[in-house]
């Protein structure tokens, strides 16, 4: 029976998504091309052997239009014969790319495939692909949800209210993320997974000196009188500090079968064990990680206690804390090297960024099982389980 294994995983350090961010001057095609070149160099594989490159990008417009992944393949110097495609499952786009790539290997459609992702939120801001005055949802959705859908920040506030999460809890979680990321960098735990470029050698949004006292001084980020009237239960506790920042970055993983890896002398890092994707309420929107986790554990025949490490995307503190309450996971095993609040959340790159971090954390800690899950706009979530190959 065929399996699918990760033999290499790399990411850029994540830059601040601002005009003066360290990666703001780098075209998104070049960001992704850098990770692709590094992936090939570190693995030693002949890029001509790659059957496909599947990339994730969220705002596919402007400099991220026209199948960004294909042009990154060409810019990276791969042979013209290497195909590529770009997918969109919102924040989980490159995790979905991992699912598609692994499923292709398992089915026999691929022998060697790259899953990757990129987002330059400096150069292509969120919602750039929705021109002013245009409706991306359509009349059927408006009829089904007559009061209207909401922005993700409002969903994060609704989650905080539903799970009775306080401002202090969410700020404390954010501070912990920064501290863990800073500790990981200082200990050299990110060295094996990162590919520095353009003068950026560390994640730029990370603030290891953050304290709850500093975060307590920030104002709510999403207060709106209209939503306050519609949702009186909201406490308005989501701030810029307990939410993920705006970022630039890219990441990539190389996936093959154990048989092919052995033939090419590529030591496997982790086996792609199980996959799940699910939909959920598009108003709460970000809670899909809860049923997705339950679903992937059921498919794997495992329990939450069997998992050694978790990567749960820190879109907002409230998302991870609500997930923890529902699953009962040990928070000490979650995002052990920090998460998106500290490292950053370059949308299309985040899925394979989490995978890269999880693969290397499993190896560094001698752990066996890792579970990764991500919430996504529209009420979606991906989840997968990795099994380390020591």
Protein backbone atom coordinates (compact mmCIF):
# COMPACT_ATOMS: atom_id res chain seq x y z
CA UNK A 1 0.00 0.00 0.00
CA UNK A 2 1.35 3.43 -0.96
CA UNK A 3 1.96 6.08 1.64
CA UNK A 4 2.83 9.78 1.47
CA UNK A 5 5.77 11.29 3.35
CA UNK A 6 7.30 14.74 3.75
CA UNK A 7 11.01 14.72 2.96
CA UNK A 8 11.74 18.46 3.20
CA UNK A 9 9.94 21.53 4.52
CA UNK A 10 11.04 25.17 4.43
CA UNK A 11 9.63 28.65 4.91
CA UNK A 12 10.78 32.22 4.72
CA UNK A 13 10.99 34.22 7.90
CA UNK A 14 7.68 36.09 7.99
CA UNK A 15 7.78 39.82 7.29
CA UNK A 16 5.51 42.59 8.53
CA UNK A 17 2.86 43.40 5.97
CA UNK A 18 3.53 47.11 5.84
CA UNK A 19 5.15 49.50 3.34
CA UNK A 20 8.33 49.41 5.45
CA UNK A 21 8.20 45.66 6.13
CA UNK A 22 11.37 43.77 5.31
CA UNK A 23 9.70 41.77 2.50
CA UNK A 24 7.34 44.46 1.21
CA UNK A 25 9.60 45.13 -1.77
CA UNK A 26 9.71 41.46 -2.83
CA UNK A 27 7.28 40.34 -5.54
CA UNK A 28 5.14 37.40 -4.31
CA UNK A 29 6.33 35.24 -7.20
CA UNK A 30 9.90 35.77 -5.99
CA UNK A 31 8.96 34.98 -2.38
CA UNK A 32 7.57 31.63 -3.44
CA UNK A 33 10.39 30.97 -5.90
CA UNK A 34 12.88 31.42 -3.05
CA UNK A 35 11.26 28.64 -1.01
CA UNK A 36 11.03 26.36 -4.06
CA UNK A 37 14.73 26.79 -4.85
CA UNK A 38 15.64 26.20 -1.22
CA UNK A 39 13.45 23.10 -1.07
CA UNK A 40 15.26 21.59 -4.04
CA UNK A 41 18.71 22.62 -2.82
CA UNK A 42 18.23 21.16 0.68
CA UNK A 43 16.71 17.91 -0.57
CA UNK A 44 19.16 17.52 -3.46
CA UNK A 45 16.36 16.38 -5.75
CA UNK A 46 16.39 16.98 -9.50
CA UNK A 47 13.44 19.39 -10.02
CA UNK A 48 12.70 17.70 -13.34
CA UNK A 49 11.35 14.75 -11.32
CA UNK A 50 8.59 16.84 -9.74
CA UNK A 51 5.19 15.78 -11.08
CA UNK A 52 3.31 18.89 -9.94
CA UNK A 53 3.52 21.97 -7.74
CA UNK A 54 0.32 22.89 -5.89
CA UNK A 55 0.32 26.32 -4.27
CA UNK A 56 -2.09 28.26 -2.10
CA UNK A 57 -2.80 31.97 -2.45
CA UNK A 58 -5.84 33.80 -1.09
CA UNK A 59 -6.04 37.16 -2.88
CA UNK A 60 -5.46 36.01 -6.45
CA UNK A 61 -5.39 39.41 -8.12
CA UNK A 62 -2.77 41.91 -9.28
CA UNK A 63 0.70 40.54 -8.60
CA UNK A 64 -0.84 37.32 -7.26
CA UNK A 65 -3.01 36.69 -10.33
CA UNK A 66 -2.54 34.41 -13.34
CA UNK A 67 -1.57 31.25 -11.42
CA UNK A 68 1.20 32.61 -9.19
CA UNK A 69 2.55 29.12 -8.50
CA UNK A 70 3.37 28.48 -12.15
CA UNK A 71 5.45 31.63 -12.44
CA UNK A 72 7.22 30.88 -9.16
CA UNK A 73 8.20 27.50 -10.64
CA UNK A 74 9.66 29.26 -13.68
CA UNK A 75 11.38 31.95 -11.61
CA UNK A 76 12.90 29.25 -9.40
CA UNK A 77 14.63 27.82 -12.46
CA UNK A 78 12.71 24.56 -12.58
CA UNK A 79 12.34 22.96 -16.02
CA UNK A 80 9.46 24.32 -18.06
CA UNK A 81 8.01 20.80 -18.04
CA UNK A 82 7.15 21.06 -14.30
CA UNK A 83 3.45 21.97 -14.03
CA UNK A 84 1.83 24.06 -11.30
CA UNK A 85 -1.55 25.21 -10.10
CA UNK A 86 -2.86 27.65 -7.48
CA UNK A 87 -5.76 26.84 -5.13
CA UNK A 88 -7.90 28.90 -2.77
CA UNK A 89 -9.43 27.62 0.43
CA UNK A 90 -8.93 30.98 2.08
CA UNK A 91 -6.52 30.86 5.06
CA UNK A 92 -6.19 27.10 4.64
CA UNK A 93 -5.17 27.30 0.98
CA UNK A 94 -1.70 25.81 1.33
CA UNK A 95 -2.85 23.23 3.88
CA UNK A 96 -5.37 22.18 1.24
CA UNK A 97 -2.45 22.06 -1.19
CA UNK A 98 -0.77 19.56 1.18
CA UNK A 99 -3.95 17.47 1.25
CA UNK A 100 -4.21 17.46 -2.55
CA UNK A 101 -0.51 16.67 -2.97
CA UNK A 102 -0.53 13.80 -0.48
CA UNK A 103 -3.77 12.40 -1.86
CA UNK A 104 -2.20 12.48 -5.33
CA UNK A 105 0.77 10.45 -4.08
CA UNK A 106 -1.49 8.01 -2.23
CA UNK A 107 -3.59 7.47 -5.34
CA UNK A 108 -0.59 6.91 -7.59
CA UNK A 109 -1.22 10.04 -9.65
CA UNK A 110 2.05 11.56 -8.40
CA UNK A 111 5.40 10.20 -7.27
CA UNK A 112 6.92 13.54 -6.24
CA UNK A 113 4.95 16.74 -5.63
CA UNK A 114 5.44 20.09 -3.92
CA UNK A 115 2.77 21.74 -1.78
CA UNK A 116 3.42 25.39 -1.08
CA UNK A 117 1.89 28.81 -0.55
CA UNK A 118 2.56 32.53 -0.67
CA UNK A 119 0.96 35.80 0.29
CA UNK A 120 2.32 39.32 0.08
CA UNK A 121 -0.23 41.28 2.08
CA UNK A 122 1.92 44.40 1.64
CA UNK A 123 1.62 44.35 -2.13
CA UNK A 124 -1.80 42.68 -2.45
CA UNK A 125 -3.94 43.78 0.52
CA UNK A 126 -6.83 41.66 1.81
CA UNK A 127 -10.00 41.96 -0.29
CA UNK A 128 -8.07 43.35 -3.26
CA UNK A 129 -9.89 40.77 -5.35
CA UNK A 130 -13.31 42.28 -4.48
CA UNK A 131 -13.74 45.65 -6.28
CA UNK A 132 -15.70 48.33 -4.44
CA UNK A 133 -19.43 47.90 -4.83
CA UNK A 134 -19.20 44.28 -5.97
CA UNK A 135 -20.93 41.43 -4.12
CA UNK A 136 -18.87 38.21 -3.92
CA UNK A 137 -21.67 36.22 -2.25
CA UNK A 138 -24.70 36.46 -4.53
CA UNK A 139 -28.47 36.63 -3.96
CA UNK A 140 -28.91 33.05 -2.76
CA UNK A 141 -26.58 33.59 0.19
CA UNK A 142 -28.29 36.91 0.98
CA UNK A 143 -31.64 35.11 1.06
CA UNK A 144 -30.30 32.35 3.31
CA UNK A 145 -28.62 34.82 5.70
CA UNK A 146 -30.92 37.87 5.51
CA UNK A 147 -29.18 39.76 8.33
CA UNK A 148 -25.92 39.49 6.43
CA UNK A 149 -22.56 37.79 6.90
CA UNK A 150 -19.93 39.39 9.12
CA UNK A 151 -16.19 40.14 9.03
CA UNK A 152 -13.84 37.69 10.70
CA UNK A 153 -13.16 40.08 13.56
CA UNK A 154 -16.84 40.03 14.49
CA UNK A 155 -16.78 36.23 14.31
CA UNK A 156 -13.83 36.24 16.70
CA UNK A 157 -15.81 38.44 19.09
CA UNK A 158 -18.84 36.14 18.85
CA UNK A 159 -16.62 33.16 19.66
CA UNK A 160 -15.19 34.95 22.68
CA UNK A 161 -18.71 35.69 23.89
CA UNK A 162 -20.04 32.18 23.28
CA UNK A 163 -17.15 30.51 25.12
CA UNK A 164 -17.00 33.18 27.86
CA UNK A 165 -13.42 34.12 27.06
CA UNK A 166 -12.14 37.21 28.83
CA UNK A 167 -9.85 39.91 27.50
CA UNK A 168 -7.27 38.79 30.05
CA UNK A 169 -7.35 35.19 28.80
CA UNK A 170 -6.96 36.22 25.18
CA UNK A 171 -4.15 38.67 25.92
CA UNK A 172 -2.33 36.10 28.05
CA UNK A 173 -2.51 33.61 25.20
CA UNK A 174 -1.10 36.20 22.79
CA UNK A 175 1.78 37.04 25.14
CA UNK A 176 2.57 33.33 25.46
CA UNK A 177 2.74 32.99 21.68
CA UNK A 178 5.33 35.76 21.45
CA UNK A 179 7.38 34.35 24.32
CA UNK A 180 7.39 30.83 22.84
CA UNK A 181 8.42 32.10 19.41
CA UNK A 182 11.22 34.20 20.86
CA UNK A 183 12.48 31.26 22.91
CA UNK A 184 12.39 28.99 19.85
CA UNK A 185 14.39 31.45 17.78
CA UNK A 186 16.96 31.94 20.56
CA UNK A 187 17.35 28.15 20.90
CA UNK A 188 17.93 27.72 17.16
CA UNK A 189 14.75 25.66 16.75
CA UNK A 190 13.68 27.56 13.62
CA UNK A 191 17.05 27.35 11.88
CA UNK A 192 16.33 24.08 10.07
CA UNK A 193 13.00 25.27 8.70
CA UNK A 194 13.75 28.83 7.60
CA UNK A 195 15.35 30.16 4.45
CA UNK A 196 16.45 33.77 5.15
CA UNK A 197 16.28 36.28 2.32
CA UNK A 198 16.60 39.94 1.55
CA UNK A 199 18.11 40.74 4.91
CA UNK A 200 15.32 39.11 6.93
CA UNK A 201 16.56 36.30 9.15
CA UNK A 202 13.85 36.26 11.86
CA UNK A 203 10.08 36.62 11.96
CA UNK A 204 9.50 40.35 11.94
CA UNK A 205 6.19 40.60 13.83
CA UNK A 206 7.47 38.72 16.87
CA UNK A 207 7.56 40.74 20.12
CA UNK A 208 9.09 38.58 22.88
CA UNK A 209 9.01 41.50 25.32
CA UNK A 210 5.20 41.70 25.22
CA UNK A 211 3.42 41.68 28.57
CA UNK A 212 -0.23 41.51 29.58
CA UNK A 213 0.09 45.05 30.92
CA UNK A 214 1.19 46.37 27.53
CA UNK A 215 -1.59 44.53 25.70
CA UNK A 216 -4.23 45.73 28.17
CA UNK A 217 -3.78 49.28 26.90
CA UNK A 218 -4.98 48.49 23.38
CA UNK A 219 -8.47 49.40 22.20
CA UNK A 220 -10.91 46.92 20.60
CA UNK A 221 -10.07 46.49 16.93
CA UNK A 222 -13.51 45.72 15.51
CA UNK A 223 -16.05 47.79 17.44
CA UNK A 224 -18.91 48.86 15.20
CA UNK A 225 -22.19 50.43 16.42
CA UNK A 226 -24.26 48.44 13.95
CA UNK A 227 -22.80 45.11 14.99
CA UNK A 228 -22.99 46.16 18.64
CA UNK A 229 -26.74 46.57 18.23
CA UNK A 230 -27.08 43.30 16.29
CA UNK A 231 -24.94 41.31 18.74
CA UNK A 232 -25.39 42.76 22.24
CA UNK A 233 -23.59 39.74 23.75
CA UNK A 234 -20.22 40.87 22.33
CA UNK A 235 -17.80 42.22 24.94
CA UNK A 236 -15.45 43.85 22.39
CA UNK A 237 -12.27 42.19 23.64
CA UNK A 238 -10.51 41.39 20.34
CA UNK A 239 -7.56 43.72 19.71
CA UNK A 240 -4.72 43.98 17.23
CA UNK A 241 -2.54 42.17 19.78
CA UNK A 242 -4.69 39.07 20.37
CA UNK A 243 -5.29 38.65 16.65
CA UNK A 244 -2.83 37.67 13.92
CA UNK A 245 -1.04 40.53 12.13
CA UNK A 246 -0.75 41.38 8.42
CA UNK A 247 2.26 39.61 6.89
CA UNK A 248 4.33 38.58 3.89
CA UNK A 249 5.88 35.15 3.43
CA UNK A 250 6.09 31.83 1.62
CA UNK A 251 6.55 28.17 2.52
CA UNK A 252 6.85 24.79 0.81
CA UNK A 253 7.00 21.05 1.55
CA UNK A 254 8.23 18.20 -0.64
CA UNK A 255 5.99 15.11 -0.62
CA UNK A 256 6.64 11.66 -2.07
CA UNK A 257 6.11 8.01 -1.19
CA UNK A 258 8.38 6.02 1.12
CA UNK A 259 9.34 3.82 -1.82
CA UNK A 260 10.36 6.77 -3.98
CA UNK A 261 12.12 8.44 -1.05
CA UNK A 262 14.19 5.32 -0.45
CA UNK A 263 15.03 5.00 -4.13
CA UNK A 264 16.24 8.62 -4.27
CA UNK A 265 17.95 8.59 -0.89
CA UNK A 266 15.58 11.15 0.65
CA UNK A 267 15.15 10.61 4.42
CA UNK A 268 11.45 11.01 5.35
CA UNK A 269 10.59 13.48 8.12
CA UNK A 270 6.93 12.58 8.63
CA UNK A 271 4.18 10.45 7.18
CA UNK A 272 0.92 12.13 6.18
CA UNK A 273 -1.43 10.01 8.25
CA UNK A 274 -5.01 11.33 7.94
CA UNK A 275 -6.95 14.26 6.46
CA UNK A 276 -10.28 15.99 7.02
CA UNK A 277 -12.09 19.09 5.82
CA UNK A 278 -15.39 20.41 7.08
CA UNK A 279 -17.86 23.27 6.85
CA UNK A 280 -19.44 25.17 9.74
CA UNK A 281 -21.61 28.20 10.52
CA UNK A 282 -20.42 31.07 8.27
CA UNK A 283 -21.43 33.64 10.89
CA UNK A 284 -19.26 32.18 13.67
CA UNK A 285 -17.08 31.20 10.70
CA UNK A 286 -13.90 30.27 12.60
CA UNK A 287 -15.19 27.34 14.68
CA UNK A 288 -14.72 24.69 11.99
CA UNK A 289 -11.46 23.65 13.65
CA UNK A 290 -13.55 21.93 16.34
CA UNK A 291 -15.49 19.48 14.12
CA UNK A 292 -12.47 19.16 11.80
CA UNK A 293 -10.34 17.97 14.71
CA UNK A 294 -13.00 15.49 15.79
CA UNK A 295 -13.34 14.24 12.22
CA UNK A 296 -9.65 13.70 11.54
CA UNK A 297 -9.14 11.91 14.86
CA UNK A 298 -12.05 9.61 14.08
CA UNK A 299 -10.65 8.84 10.63
CA UNK A 300 -7.22 8.17 12.12
CA UNK A 301 -8.53 5.93 14.89
CA UNK A 302 -6.81 8.15 17.46
CA UNK A 303 -7.87 10.21 20.47
CA UNK A 304 -6.90 13.72 21.47
CA UNK A 305 -4.58 12.23 24.09
CA UNK A 306 -2.65 10.33 21.41
CA UNK A 307 -1.48 13.59 19.84
CA UNK A 308 1.90 14.85 21.01
CA UNK A 309 1.91 18.28 19.35
CA UNK A 310 -0.77 20.53 17.87
CA UNK A 311 -0.54 23.38 15.39
CA UNK A 312 -3.79 25.36 15.55
CA UNK A 313 -3.64 28.51 13.47
CA UNK A 314 -3.78 31.58 15.69
CA UNK A 315 -6.04 33.69 13.52
CA UNK A 316 -7.34 35.02 16.86
CA UNK A 317 -6.71 33.98 20.47
CA UNK A 318 -10.41 33.26 20.84
CA UNK A 319 -10.32 30.61 18.10
CA UNK A 320 -7.60 28.52 19.75
CA UNK A 321 -9.00 28.93 23.27
CA UNK A 322 -12.52 27.91 22.19
CA UNK A 323 -11.03 24.93 20.31
CA UNK A 324 -9.14 23.91 23.44
CA UNK A 325 -12.26 24.10 25.60
CA UNK A 326 -14.21 21.88 23.22
CA UNK A 327 -11.50 19.30 22.48
CA UNK A 328 -9.90 19.13 25.92
CA UNK A 329 -6.43 19.27 24.36
CA UNK A 330 -3.50 20.05 26.63
CA UNK A 331 -2.65 23.69 25.89
CA UNK A 332 0.99 22.97 26.73
CA UNK A 333 1.15 20.88 23.53
CA UNK A 334 -0.35 23.61 21.31
CA UNK A 335 1.85 25.80 19.11
CA UNK A 336 4.89 24.99 21.21
CA UNK A 337 7.14 27.29 19.15
CA UNK A 338 4.60 30.10 19.04
CA UNK A 339 1.85 30.66 16.52
CA UNK A 340 0.52 33.12 13.98
CA UNK A 341 -0.06 35.87 16.55
CA UNK A 342 3.71 36.07 16.97
CA UNK A 343 5.17 34.46 13.83
CA UNK A 344 2.61 36.01 11.47
CA UNK A 345 -0.17 34.94 9.15
CA UNK A 346 0.68 35.45 5.46
CA UNK A 347 -2.64 33.97 4.40
CA UNK A 348 -1.83 31.66 1.49
CA UNK A 349 1.49 30.62 3.00
CA UNK A 350 0.20 29.81 6.48
CA UNK A 351 -0.90 26.22 5.85
CA UNK A 352 2.50 24.97 4.74
CA UNK A 353 4.15 27.27 7.29
CA UNK A 354 2.32 25.40 10.05
CA UNK A 355 3.22 22.07 8.43
CA UNK A 356 6.87 23.07 8.21
CA UNK A 357 6.96 24.12 11.86
CA UNK A 358 5.11 20.98 12.98
CA UNK A 359 7.36 18.60 11.04
CA UNK A 360 10.50 20.10 12.53
CA UNK A 361 9.02 20.33 16.05
CA UNK A 362 8.09 16.65 15.99
CA UNK A 363 11.63 15.75 15.03
CA UNK A 364 13.26 18.10 17.54
CA UNK A 365 11.18 16.70 20.40
CA UNK A 366 11.23 13.05 19.38
CA UNK A 367 7.43 13.11 19.26
CA UNK A 368 5.24 10.80 17.19
CA UNK A 369 1.88 12.38 16.26
CA UNK A 370 1.13 15.97 15.29
CA UNK A 371 -2.26 17.44 14.45
CA UNK A 372 -2.64 20.61 12.37
CA UNK A 373 -5.89 22.50 11.88
CA UNK A 374 -6.86 25.88 10.44
CA UNK A 375 -10.04 27.96 10.44
CA UNK A 376 -11.01 29.53 7.12
CA UNK A 377 -13.34 32.27 5.92
CA UNK A 378 -16.85 31.22 5.01
CA UNK A 379 -17.08 28.63 7.77
CA UNK A 380 -14.47 26.06 6.67
CA UNK A 381 -11.60 24.19 8.28
CA UNK A 382 -8.88 21.72 7.36
CA UNK A 383 -7.25 19.21 9.70
CA UNK A 384 -4.55 16.60 9.23
CA UNK A 385 -2.42 14.30 11.32
CA UNK A 386 1.30 13.74 10.74
CA UNK A 387 3.28 10.82 12.11
CA UNK A 388 6.98 11.47 12.59
CA UNK A 389 9.48 9.15 10.96
CA UNK A 390 12.46 9.09 13.32
